[in-house]
């Protein structure tokens, strides 16, 4: 079976609270449940009991969540949340949910464990793909017929899979297609950004789908599938402005798929600079 190097790890990120900004890491511990500490918490909408997503609440990307201490290794590890005004609280503080609700202008509650029967996150079918009609991405679908939620991966706060990867070559390809937009990797919220070098072209991850990725200390990534993108890629965050053209380009040229969602077959640790191999 062919094994070849396809790149090196350029960036690692985890997002302690679903849909908030996260943290850039020098290394990540990866288990079959994903990066340790990733999407550990979420917010529940107290109006409809669904999980809050920036797909519907863009202001979520003005909050930042970071671990103090290493989750799984330190019993004192806790999540610090920086509110849009710059005030920092901890997720386990009394009144944390109330402080977040006030900053978000919507009643929410921090959740530490998904419901055992599964969770749904809220969306607006009219805007889930920005200004692109939902029927352009899901043929035959209309906003009136589409559900106003999506099911999360059972037993988790993940949208679709425990690990998410993205190739720099794909972002560079999109930048050539839509040169007026900034395809910054932060827009796509991948756990592992793979530097695929100058020779890679097109939607690079398409060439990975039938194989297995090996990276770091024994990590094997399997079950890869295209990552369907949504309006979250267009929202403003940090120094990135709102840009609906980001998603338009992905829809027009690749049916809104950018990067991959995947499963972890074998756990381990991944560090910046680790080589990434494709087997198969």
C-alpha atoms as a PDB file:
ATOM      1  CA  UNK A   1       0.000   0.000   0.000  1.00  0.00           C
ATOM      2  CA  UNK A   2       1.371   3.394  -1.006  1.00  0.00           C
ATOM      3  CA  UNK A   3       2.397   5.764   1.790  1.00  0.00           C
ATOM      4  CA  UNK A   4       3.488   9.262   0.854  1.00  0.00           C
ATOM      5  CA  UNK A   5       3.983  12.542   2.648  1.00  0.00           C
ATOM      6  CA  UNK A   6       1.419  15.138   1.625  1.00  0.00           C
ATOM      7  CA  UNK A   7       2.401  17.981   3.951  1.00  0.00           C
ATOM      8  CA  UNK A   8       3.216  19.086   7.474  1.00  0.00           C
ATOM      9  CA  UNK A   9       1.089  20.345  10.318  1.00  0.00           C
ATOM     10  CA  UNK A  10       0.979  24.143  10.130  1.00  0.00           C
ATOM     11  CA  UNK A  11      -1.604  25.046  12.782  1.00  0.00           C
ATOM     12  CA  UNK A  12      -3.538  23.275  15.516  1.00  0.00           C
ATOM     13  CA  UNK A  13      -6.705  24.659  17.079  1.00  0.00           C
ATOM     14  CA  UNK A  14      -9.366  23.613  19.534  1.00  0.00           C
ATOM     15  CA  UNK A  15     -12.624  25.275  20.519  1.00  0.00           C
ATOM     16  CA  UNK A  16     -13.537  24.633  24.170  1.00  0.00           C
ATOM     17  CA  UNK A  17     -17.057  26.083  23.754  1.00  0.00           C
ATOM     18  CA  UNK A  18     -18.987  25.312  20.595  1.00  0.00           C
ATOM     19  CA  UNK A  19     -19.184  28.277  18.170  1.00  0.00           C
ATOM     20  CA  UNK A  20     -16.966  30.585  20.226  1.00  0.00           C
ATOM     21  CA  UNK A  21     -13.470  31.500  19.106  1.00  0.00           C
ATOM     22  CA  UNK A  22     -10.927  29.018  20.404  1.00  0.00           C
ATOM     23  CA  UNK A  23      -7.216  28.678  20.943  1.00  0.00           C
ATOM     24  CA  UNK A  24      -4.212  28.036  18.741  1.00  0.00           C
ATOM     25  CA  UNK A  25      -2.102  25.234  20.205  1.00  0.00           C
ATOM     26  CA  UNK A  26       1.500  24.013  19.795  1.00  0.00           C
ATOM     27  CA  UNK A  27       0.249  20.430  20.166  1.00  0.00           C
ATOM     28  CA  UNK A  28      -2.969  18.509  20.675  1.00  0.00           C
ATOM     29  CA  UNK A  29      -3.777  15.227  22.338  1.00  0.00           C
ATOM     30  CA  UNK A  30      -6.075  13.348  19.965  1.00  0.00           C
ATOM     31  CA  UNK A  31      -8.402  10.551  21.056  1.00  0.00           C
ATOM     32  CA  UNK A  32     -11.137   8.676  19.240  1.00  0.00           C
ATOM     33  CA  UNK A  33     -13.446  11.360  20.615  1.00  0.00           C
ATOM     34  CA  UNK A  34     -11.416  14.115  18.925  1.00  0.00           C
ATOM     35  CA  UNK A  35      -8.947  16.689  20.250  1.00  0.00           C
ATOM     36  CA  UNK A  36      -8.988  16.639  24.045  1.00  0.00           C
ATOM     37  CA  UNK A  37     -10.898  19.677  25.293  1.00  0.00           C
ATOM     38  CA  UNK A  38     -12.510  20.453  21.939  1.00  0.00           C
ATOM     39  CA  UNK A  39     -16.214  21.407  22.022  1.00  0.00           C
ATOM     40  CA  UNK A  40     -16.305  20.429  25.676  1.00  0.00           C
ATOM     41  CA  UNK A  41     -19.159  22.847  26.363  1.00  0.00           C
ATOM     42  CA  UNK A  42     -21.983  24.408  24.407  1.00  0.00           C
ATOM     43  CA  UNK A  43     -24.752  26.915  24.990  1.00  0.00           C
ATOM     44  CA  UNK A  44     -28.399  25.907  25.106  1.00  0.00           C
ATOM     45  CA  UNK A  45     -31.009  28.328  23.779  1.00  0.00           C
ATOM     46  CA  UNK A  46     -33.506  28.611  26.626  1.00  0.00           C
ATOM     47  CA  UNK A  47     -36.281  29.596  24.226  1.00  0.00           C
ATOM     48  CA  UNK A  48     -36.302  26.429  22.118  1.00  0.00           C
ATOM     49  CA  UNK A  49     -33.863  24.147  24.067  1.00  0.00           C
ATOM     50  CA  UNK A  50     -31.604  23.726  21.031  1.00  0.00           C
ATOM     51  CA  UNK A  51     -27.833  24.078  21.038  1.00  0.00           C
ATOM     52  CA  UNK A  52     -26.639  27.529  20.020  1.00  0.00           C
ATOM     53  CA  UNK A  53     -24.568  27.801  16.851  1.00  0.00           C
ATOM     54  CA  UNK A  54     -22.945  30.783  15.168  1.00  0.00           C
ATOM     55  CA  UNK A  55     -24.806  29.633  12.073  1.00  0.00           C
ATOM     56  CA  UNK A  56     -27.754  31.456  13.626  1.00  0.00           C
ATOM     57  CA  UNK A  57     -26.008  33.685  16.206  1.00  0.00           C
ATOM     58  CA  UNK A  58     -23.025  35.397  14.491  1.00  0.00           C
ATOM     59  CA  UNK A  59     -22.202  37.231  17.729  1.00  0.00           C
ATOM     60  CA  UNK A  60     -20.902  33.939  19.134  1.00  0.00           C
ATOM     61  CA  UNK A  61     -17.685  34.686  17.236  1.00  0.00           C
ATOM     62  CA  UNK A  62     -17.097  37.716  19.454  1.00  0.00           C
ATOM     63  CA  UNK A  63     -16.604  35.424  22.469  1.00  0.00           C
ATOM     64  CA  UNK A  64     -13.405  33.461  23.087  1.00  0.00           C
ATOM     65  CA  UNK A  65     -12.983  30.269  25.114  1.00  0.00           C
ATOM     66  CA  UNK A  66      -9.623  28.925  26.323  1.00  0.00           C
ATOM     67  CA  UNK A  67      -8.525  26.222  28.712  1.00  0.00           C
ATOM     68  CA  UNK A  68      -6.570  27.144  31.818  1.00  0.00           C
ATOM     69  CA  UNK A  69      -4.640  23.963  32.489  1.00  0.00           C
ATOM     70  CA  UNK A  70      -4.667  20.863  30.328  1.00  0.00           C
ATOM     71  CA  UNK A  71      -8.040  19.098  30.176  1.00  0.00           C
ATOM     72  CA  UNK A  72      -7.772  15.432  30.990  1.00  0.00           C
ATOM     73  CA  UNK A  73      -4.372  15.914  32.633  1.00  0.00           C
ATOM     74  CA  UNK A  74      -5.024  18.538  35.303  1.00  0.00           C
ATOM     75  CA  UNK A  75      -7.941  18.196  37.741  1.00  0.00           C
ATOM     76  CA  UNK A  76      -7.934  21.980  38.105  1.00  0.00           C
ATOM     77  CA  UNK A  77      -8.335  22.679  34.379  1.00  0.00           C
ATOM     78  CA  UNK A  78     -11.148  25.128  33.688  1.00  0.00           C
ATOM     79  CA  UNK A  79     -12.452  27.123  30.752  1.00  0.00           C
ATOM     80  CA  UNK A  80     -11.987  30.891  30.665  1.00  0.00           C
ATOM     81  CA  UNK A  81     -14.473  32.795  28.494  1.00  0.00           C
ATOM     82  CA  UNK A  82     -13.673  36.313  27.336  1.00  0.00           C
ATOM     83  CA  UNK A  83     -16.829  38.305  26.681  1.00  0.00           C
ATOM     84  CA  UNK A  84     -17.086  40.803  23.790  1.00  0.00           C
ATOM     85  CA  UNK A  85     -16.425  43.719  26.153  1.00  0.00           C
ATOM     86  CA  UNK A  86     -13.150  42.115  27.248  1.00  0.00           C
ATOM     87  CA  UNK A  87     -14.291  40.893  30.665  1.00  0.00           C
ATOM     88  CA  UNK A  88     -13.165  37.354  31.471  1.00  0.00           C
ATOM     89  CA  UNK A  89     -15.239  34.832  33.391  1.00  0.00           C
ATOM     90  CA  UNK A  90     -14.934  31.090  33.978  1.00  0.00           C
ATOM     91  CA  UNK A  91     -17.474  28.573  32.780  1.00  0.00           C
ATOM     92  CA  UNK A  92     -17.871  27.211  36.311  1.00  0.00           C
ATOM     93  CA  UNK A  93     -18.427  30.641  37.898  1.00  0.00           C
ATOM     94  CA  UNK A  94     -21.820  31.206  39.519  1.00  0.00           C
ATOM     95  CA  UNK A  95     -23.749  33.391  37.102  1.00  0.00           C
ATOM     96  CA  UNK A  96     -21.619  32.498  34.063  1.00  0.00           C
ATOM     97  CA  UNK A  97     -24.648  31.629  31.935  1.00  0.00           C
ATOM     98  CA  UNK A  98     -26.348  34.862  32.944  1.00  0.00           C
ATOM     99  CA  UNK A  99     -23.266  36.917  31.994  1.00  0.00           C
ATOM    100  CA  UNK A 100     -23.100  35.229  28.594  1.00  0.00           C
ATOM    101  CA  UNK A 101     -26.849  35.719  28.087  1.00  0.00           C
ATOM    102  CA  UNK A 102     -26.510  39.429  28.766  1.00  0.00           C
ATOM    103  CA  UNK A 103     -23.583  39.785  26.367  1.00  0.00           C
ATOM    104  CA  UNK A 104     -25.345  37.750  23.660  1.00  0.00           C
ATOM    105  CA  UNK A 105     -28.695  39.485  24.266  1.00  0.00           C
ATOM    106  CA  UNK A 106     -30.371  36.081  24.333  1.00  0.00           C
ATOM    107  CA  UNK A 107     -31.152  33.688  27.193  1.00  0.00           C
ATOM    108  CA  UNK A 108     -28.733  30.768  27.114  1.00  0.00           C
ATOM    109  CA  UNK A 109     -27.341  28.205  29.497  1.00  0.00           C
ATOM    110  CA  UNK A 110     -23.908  26.576  29.504  1.00  0.00           C
ATOM    111  CA  UNK A 111     -24.119  22.827  28.978  1.00  0.00           C
ATOM    112  CA  UNK A 112     -21.381  20.393  29.963  1.00  0.00           C
ATOM    113  CA  UNK A 113     -22.832  17.169  28.565  1.00  0.00           C
ATOM    114  CA  UNK A 114     -25.035  16.559  25.543  1.00  0.00           C
ATOM    115  CA  UNK A 115     -28.386  14.905  26.053  1.00  0.00           C
ATOM    116  CA  UNK A 116     -28.031  11.106  25.774  1.00  0.00           C
ATOM    117  CA  UNK A 117     -30.739  11.006  23.106  1.00  0.00           C
ATOM    118  CA  UNK A 118     -28.833  13.474  20.914  1.00  0.00           C
ATOM    119  CA  UNK A 119     -28.877  17.208  20.336  1.00  0.00           C
ATOM    120  CA  UNK A 120     -30.140  19.611  17.703  1.00  0.00           C
ATOM    121  CA  UNK A 121     -28.596  22.982  16.876  1.00  0.00           C
ATOM    122  CA  UNK A 122     -30.682  25.825  15.538  1.00  0.00           C
ATOM    123  CA  UNK A 123     -30.313  27.387  12.103  1.00  0.00           C
ATOM    124  CA  UNK A 124     -32.243  29.770   9.868  1.00  0.00           C
ATOM    125  CA  UNK A 125     -32.828  27.959   6.539  1.00  0.00           C
ATOM    126  CA  UNK A 126     -33.106  31.321   4.774  1.00  0.00           C
ATOM    127  CA  UNK A 127     -29.546  32.333   5.677  1.00  0.00           C
ATOM    128  CA  UNK A 128     -27.695  29.108   6.512  1.00  0.00           C
ATOM    129  CA  UNK A 129     -25.708  29.472   3.268  1.00  0.00           C
ATOM    130  CA  UNK A 130     -25.390  33.240   3.445  1.00  0.00           C
ATOM    131  CA  UNK A 131     -26.978  34.892   0.432  1.00  0.00           C
ATOM    132  CA  UNK A 132     -26.863  31.633  -1.553  1.00  0.00           C
ATOM    133  CA  UNK A 133     -30.341  30.027  -1.757  1.00  0.00           C
ATOM    134  CA  UNK A 134     -30.458  26.690   0.068  1.00  0.00           C
ATOM    135  CA  UNK A 135     -31.645  25.003  -3.134  1.00  0.00           C
ATOM    136  CA  UNK A 136     -28.338  25.866  -4.820  1.00  0.00           C
ATOM    137  CA  UNK A 137     -26.558  23.645  -2.303  1.00  0.00           C
ATOM    138  CA  UNK A 138     -29.238  21.032  -1.594  1.00  0.00           C
ATOM    139  CA  UNK A 139     -31.100  20.569  -4.899  1.00  0.00           C
ATOM    140  CA  UNK A 140     -34.847  20.815  -4.586  1.00  0.00           C
ATOM    141  CA  UNK A 141     -34.774  22.173  -1.032  1.00  0.00           C
ATOM    142  CA  UNK A 142     -36.595  25.387  -0.158  1.00  0.00           C
ATOM    143  CA  UNK A 143     -36.413  27.458   3.025  1.00  0.00           C
ATOM    144  CA  UNK A 144     -40.059  26.621   3.704  1.00  0.00           C
ATOM    145  CA  UNK A 145     -39.419  22.856   3.511  1.00  0.00           C
ATOM    146  CA  UNK A 146     -36.062  22.835   5.277  1.00  0.00           C
ATOM    147  CA  UNK A 147     -35.870  22.152   9.029  1.00  0.00           C
ATOM    148  CA  UNK A 148     -34.739  24.994  11.275  1.00  0.00           C
ATOM    149  CA  UNK A 149     -32.219  22.725  13.014  1.00  0.00           C
ATOM    150  CA  UNK A 150     -29.553  20.142  12.281  1.00  0.00           C
ATOM    151  CA  UNK A 151     -28.665  17.070  14.280  1.00  0.00           C
ATOM    152  CA  UNK A 152     -25.329  17.041  16.075  1.00  0.00           C
ATOM    153  CA  UNK A 153     -23.104  13.985  16.125  1.00  0.00           C
ATOM    154  CA  UNK A 154     -24.706  11.702  18.694  1.00  0.00           C
ATOM    155  CA  UNK A 155     -23.301  12.031  22.196  1.00  0.00           C
ATOM    156  CA  UNK A 156     -21.256  15.145  21.351  1.00  0.00           C
ATOM    157  CA  UNK A 157     -21.427  18.844  20.563  1.00  0.00           C
ATOM    158  CA  UNK A 158     -19.733  18.260  17.186  1.00  0.00           C
ATOM    159  CA  UNK A 159     -21.583  19.085  13.984  1.00  0.00           C
ATOM    160  CA  UNK A 160     -20.562  16.018  12.000  1.00  0.00           C
ATOM    161  CA  UNK A 161     -17.349  14.340  13.160  1.00  0.00           C
ATOM    162  CA  UNK A 162     -14.749  14.434  15.956  1.00  0.00           C
ATOM    163  CA  UNK A 163     -11.870  15.828  13.891  1.00  0.00           C
ATOM    164  CA  UNK A 164     -11.635  18.397  11.133  1.00  0.00           C
ATOM    165  CA  UNK A 165      -8.737  19.015   8.726  1.00  0.00           C
ATOM    166  CA  UNK A 166      -7.992  21.594   6.046  1.00  0.00           C
ATOM    167  CA  UNK A 167      -5.244  21.972   3.426  1.00  0.00           C
ATOM    168  CA  UNK A 168      -3.453  25.242   2.722  1.00  0.00           C
ATOM    169  CA  UNK A 169      -3.490  24.329  -0.960  1.00  0.00           C
ATOM    170  CA  UNK A 170      -7.275  24.469  -0.957  1.00  0.00           C
ATOM    171  CA  UNK A 171      -7.289  27.932   0.603  1.00  0.00           C
ATOM    172  CA  UNK A 172      -4.760  29.141  -1.960  1.00  0.00           C
ATOM    173  CA  UNK A 173      -6.914  27.677  -4.748  1.00  0.00           C
ATOM    174  CA  UNK A 174      -9.967  29.533  -3.427  1.00  0.00           C
ATOM    175  CA  UNK A 175      -7.933  32.733  -3.199  1.00  0.00           C
ATOM    176  CA  UNK A 176      -7.149  32.437  -6.911  1.00  0.00           C
ATOM    177  CA  UNK A 177     -10.814  31.796  -7.727  1.00  0.00           C
ATOM    178  CA  UNK A 178     -12.047  34.757  -5.661  1.00  0.00           C
ATOM    179  CA  UNK A 179      -9.086  37.120  -5.316  1.00  0.00           C
ATOM    180  CA  UNK A 180     -11.118  39.808  -3.580  1.00  0.00           C
ATOM    181  CA  UNK A 181     -11.751  37.634  -0.511  1.00  0.00           C
ATOM    182  CA  UNK A 182      -9.552  36.596   2.390  1.00  0.00           C
ATOM    183  CA  UNK A 183      -9.668  32.820   2.838  1.00  0.00           C
ATOM    184  CA  UNK A 184      -8.048  32.930   6.241  1.00  0.00           C
ATOM    185  CA  UNK A 185      -8.031  29.484   7.901  1.00  0.00           C
ATOM    186  CA  UNK A 186      -9.729  30.945  10.978  1.00  0.00           C
ATOM    187  CA  UNK A 187     -12.940  31.168   8.979  1.00  0.00           C
ATOM    188  CA  UNK A 188     -13.032  27.365   8.647  1.00  0.00           C
ATOM    189  CA  UNK A 189     -12.304  26.325  12.269  1.00  0.00           C
ATOM    190  CA  UNK A 190     -10.223  23.237  11.492  1.00  0.00           C
ATOM    191  CA  UNK A 191      -8.416  21.335  14.229  1.00  0.00           C
ATOM    192  CA  UNK A 192      -5.479  20.573  11.929  1.00  0.00           C
ATOM    193  CA  UNK A 193      -4.299  22.853   9.140  1.00  0.00           C
ATOM    194  CA  UNK A 194      -1.994  20.941   6.800  1.00  0.00           C
ATOM    195  CA  UNK A 195       0.601  22.882   4.823  1.00  0.00           C
ATOM    196  CA  UNK A 196       0.484  21.047   1.505  1.00  0.00           C
ATOM    197  CA  UNK A 197       3.157  23.153  -0.203  1.00  0.00           C
ATOM    198  CA  UNK A 198       3.282  25.132  -3.418  1.00  0.00           C
ATOM    199  CA  UNK A 199       2.793  22.127  -5.709  1.00  0.00           C
ATOM    200  CA  UNK A 200      -0.666  21.209  -4.376  1.00  0.00           C
ATOM    201  CA  UNK A 201      -3.572  22.616  -6.371  1.00  0.00           C
ATOM    202  CA  UNK A 202      -7.344  22.457  -6.532  1.00  0.00           C
ATOM    203  CA  UNK A 203      -9.447  21.133  -3.685  1.00  0.00           C
ATOM    204  CA  UNK A 204      -6.608  19.128  -2.224  1.00  0.00           C
ATOM    205  CA  UNK A 205      -8.580  17.069   0.297  1.00  0.00           C
ATOM    206  CA  UNK A 206     -10.513  15.351  -2.511  1.00  0.00           C
ATOM    207  CA  UNK A 207      -7.412  13.223  -3.035  1.00  0.00           C
ATOM    208  CA  UNK A 208      -7.423  12.060   0.585  1.00  0.00           C
ATOM    209  CA  UNK A 209     -10.971  10.739   0.874  1.00  0.00           C
ATOM    210  CA  UNK A 210     -10.346   7.081   0.067  1.00  0.00           C
ATOM    211  CA  UNK A 211      -7.216   6.787   2.204  1.00  0.00           C
ATOM    212  CA  UNK A 212      -5.943   7.130   5.759  1.00  0.00           C
ATOM    213  CA  UNK A 213      -3.911   9.998   7.185  1.00  0.00           C
ATOM    214  CA  UNK A 214      -1.062   9.315   9.593  1.00  0.00           C
ATOM    215  CA  UNK A 215       0.298  12.185  11.667  1.00  0.00           C
ATOM    216  CA  UNK A 216       2.169  12.753  14.915  1.00  0.00           C
ATOM    217  CA  UNK A 217       2.669  10.051  17.516  1.00  0.00           C
ATOM    218  CA  UNK A 218       0.535   7.283  16.100  1.00  0.00           C
ATOM    219  CA  UNK A 219      -2.575   9.247  15.101  1.00  0.00           C
ATOM    220  CA  UNK A 220      -4.512   7.629  12.260  1.00  0.00           C
ATOM    221  CA  UNK A 221      -7.381   9.540  10.686  1.00  0.00           C
ATOM    222  CA  UNK A 222      -9.984   7.630   8.686  1.00  0.00           C
ATOM    223  CA  UNK A 223     -13.555   7.913   7.427  1.00  0.00           C
ATOM    224  CA  UNK A 224     -12.875  11.206   5.695  1.00  0.00           C
ATOM    225  CA  UNK A 225     -15.760  13.046   4.055  1.00  0.00           C
ATOM    226  CA  UNK A 226     -16.092  16.513   2.532  1.00  0.00           C
ATOM    227  CA  UNK A 227     -16.879  19.296   5.006  1.00  0.00           C
ATOM    228  CA  UNK A 228     -20.027  21.134   3.948  1.00  0.00           C
ATOM    229  CA  UNK A 229     -19.612  24.849   4.642  1.00  0.00           C
ATOM    230  CA  UNK A 230     -22.216  27.338   5.777  1.00  0.00           C
ATOM    231  CA  UNK A 231     -22.681  30.986   6.643  1.00  0.00           C
ATOM    232  CA  UNK A 232     -20.209  30.738   9.544  1.00  0.00           C
ATOM    233  CA  UNK A 233     -17.343  31.122   7.071  1.00  0.00           C
ATOM    234  CA  UNK A 234     -18.647  34.569   6.147  1.00  0.00           C
ATOM    235  CA  UNK A 235     -19.093  36.064   9.623  1.00  0.00           C
ATOM    236  CA  UNK A 236     -16.758  38.732  11.005  1.00  0.00           C
ATOM    237  CA  UNK A 237     -14.297  37.624  13.667  1.00  0.00           C
ATOM    238  CA  UNK A 238     -11.213  39.285  15.133  1.00  0.00           C
ATOM    239  CA  UNK A 239      -9.751  41.316  12.240  1.00  0.00           C
ATOM    240  CA  UNK A 240     -11.716  39.491   9.517  1.00  0.00           C
ATOM    241  CA  UNK A 241     -14.655  41.365   8.043  1.00  0.00           C
ATOM    242  CA  UNK A 242     -17.979  39.914   6.919  1.00  0.00           C
ATOM    243  CA  UNK A 243     -17.561  38.440   3.444  1.00  0.00           C
ATOM    244  CA  UNK A 244     -20.414  36.581   1.769  1.00  0.00           C
ATOM    245  CA  UNK A 245     -18.212  35.962  -1.286  1.00  0.00           C
ATOM    246  CA  UNK A 246     -16.200  33.387   0.683  1.00  0.00           C
ATOM    247  CA  UNK A 247     -19.126  30.977   0.720  1.00  0.00           C
ATOM    248  CA  UNK A 248     -20.309  31.940  -2.754  1.00  0.00           C
ATOM    249  CA  UNK A 249     -16.968  30.769  -4.162  1.00  0.00           C
ATOM    250  CA  UNK A 250     -17.129  27.479  -2.258  1.00  0.00           C
ATOM    251  CA  UNK A 251     -20.681  26.842  -3.475  1.00  0.00           C
ATOM    252  CA  UNK A 252     -20.005  27.775  -7.080  1.00  0.00           C
ATOM    253  CA  UNK A 253     -16.819  25.752  -7.448  1.00  0.00           C
ATOM    254  CA  UNK A 254     -17.163  22.825  -5.021  1.00  0.00           C
ATOM    255  CA  UNK A 255     -20.775  22.525  -3.861  1.00  0.00           C
ATOM    256  CA  UNK A 256     -19.844  24.342  -0.598  1.00  0.00           C
ATOM    257  CA  UNK A 257     -17.335  21.624   0.420  1.00  0.00           C
ATOM    258  CA  UNK A 258     -14.032  22.851   1.871  1.00  0.00           C
ATOM    259  CA  UNK A 259     -11.798  20.609   3.983  1.00  0.00           C
ATOM    260  CA  UNK A 260     -12.763  17.294   5.554  1.00  0.00           C
ATOM    261  CA  UNK A 261     -14.533  15.870   8.571  1.00  0.00           C
ATOM    262  CA  UNK A 262     -13.132  12.562   9.795  1.00  0.00           C
ATOM    263  CA  UNK A 263     -12.877   9.900  12.485  1.00  0.00           C
ATOM    264  CA  UNK A 264      -9.871   8.978  14.612  1.00  0.00           C
ATOM    265  CA  UNK A 265      -8.892   5.333  14.261  1.00  0.00           C
ATOM    266  CA  UNK A 266      -5.816   5.503  16.493  1.00  0.00           C
ATOM    267  CA  UNK A 267      -5.099   8.157  19.163  1.00  0.00           C
ATOM    268  CA  UNK A 268      -1.871   9.986  19.960  1.00  0.00           C
ATOM    269  CA  UNK A 269      -0.366  13.485  19.984  1.00  0.00           C
ATOM    270  CA  UNK A 270       0.058  15.894  17.093  1.00  0.00           C
ATOM    271  CA  UNK A 271       2.502  18.815  17.079  1.00  0.00           C
ATOM    272  CA  UNK A 272       3.164  21.734  14.788  1.00  0.00           C
ATOM    273  CA  UNK A 273       5.677  20.667  12.143  1.00  0.00           C
ATOM    274  CA  UNK A 274       4.743  16.982  12.218  1.00  0.00           C
ATOM    275  CA  UNK A 275       4.759  15.353   8.781  1.00  0.00           C
ATOM    276  CA  UNK A 276       1.397  14.193   7.441  1.00  0.00           C
ATOM    277  CA  UNK A 277       1.258  10.991   5.408  1.00  0.00           C
ATOM    278  CA  UNK A 278      -1.492   9.638   3.161  1.00  0.00           C
ATOM    279  CA  UNK A 279      -1.791   5.857   3.074  1.00  0.00           C
ATOM    280  CA  UNK A 280      -3.789   4.151   0.362  1.00  0.00           C
END
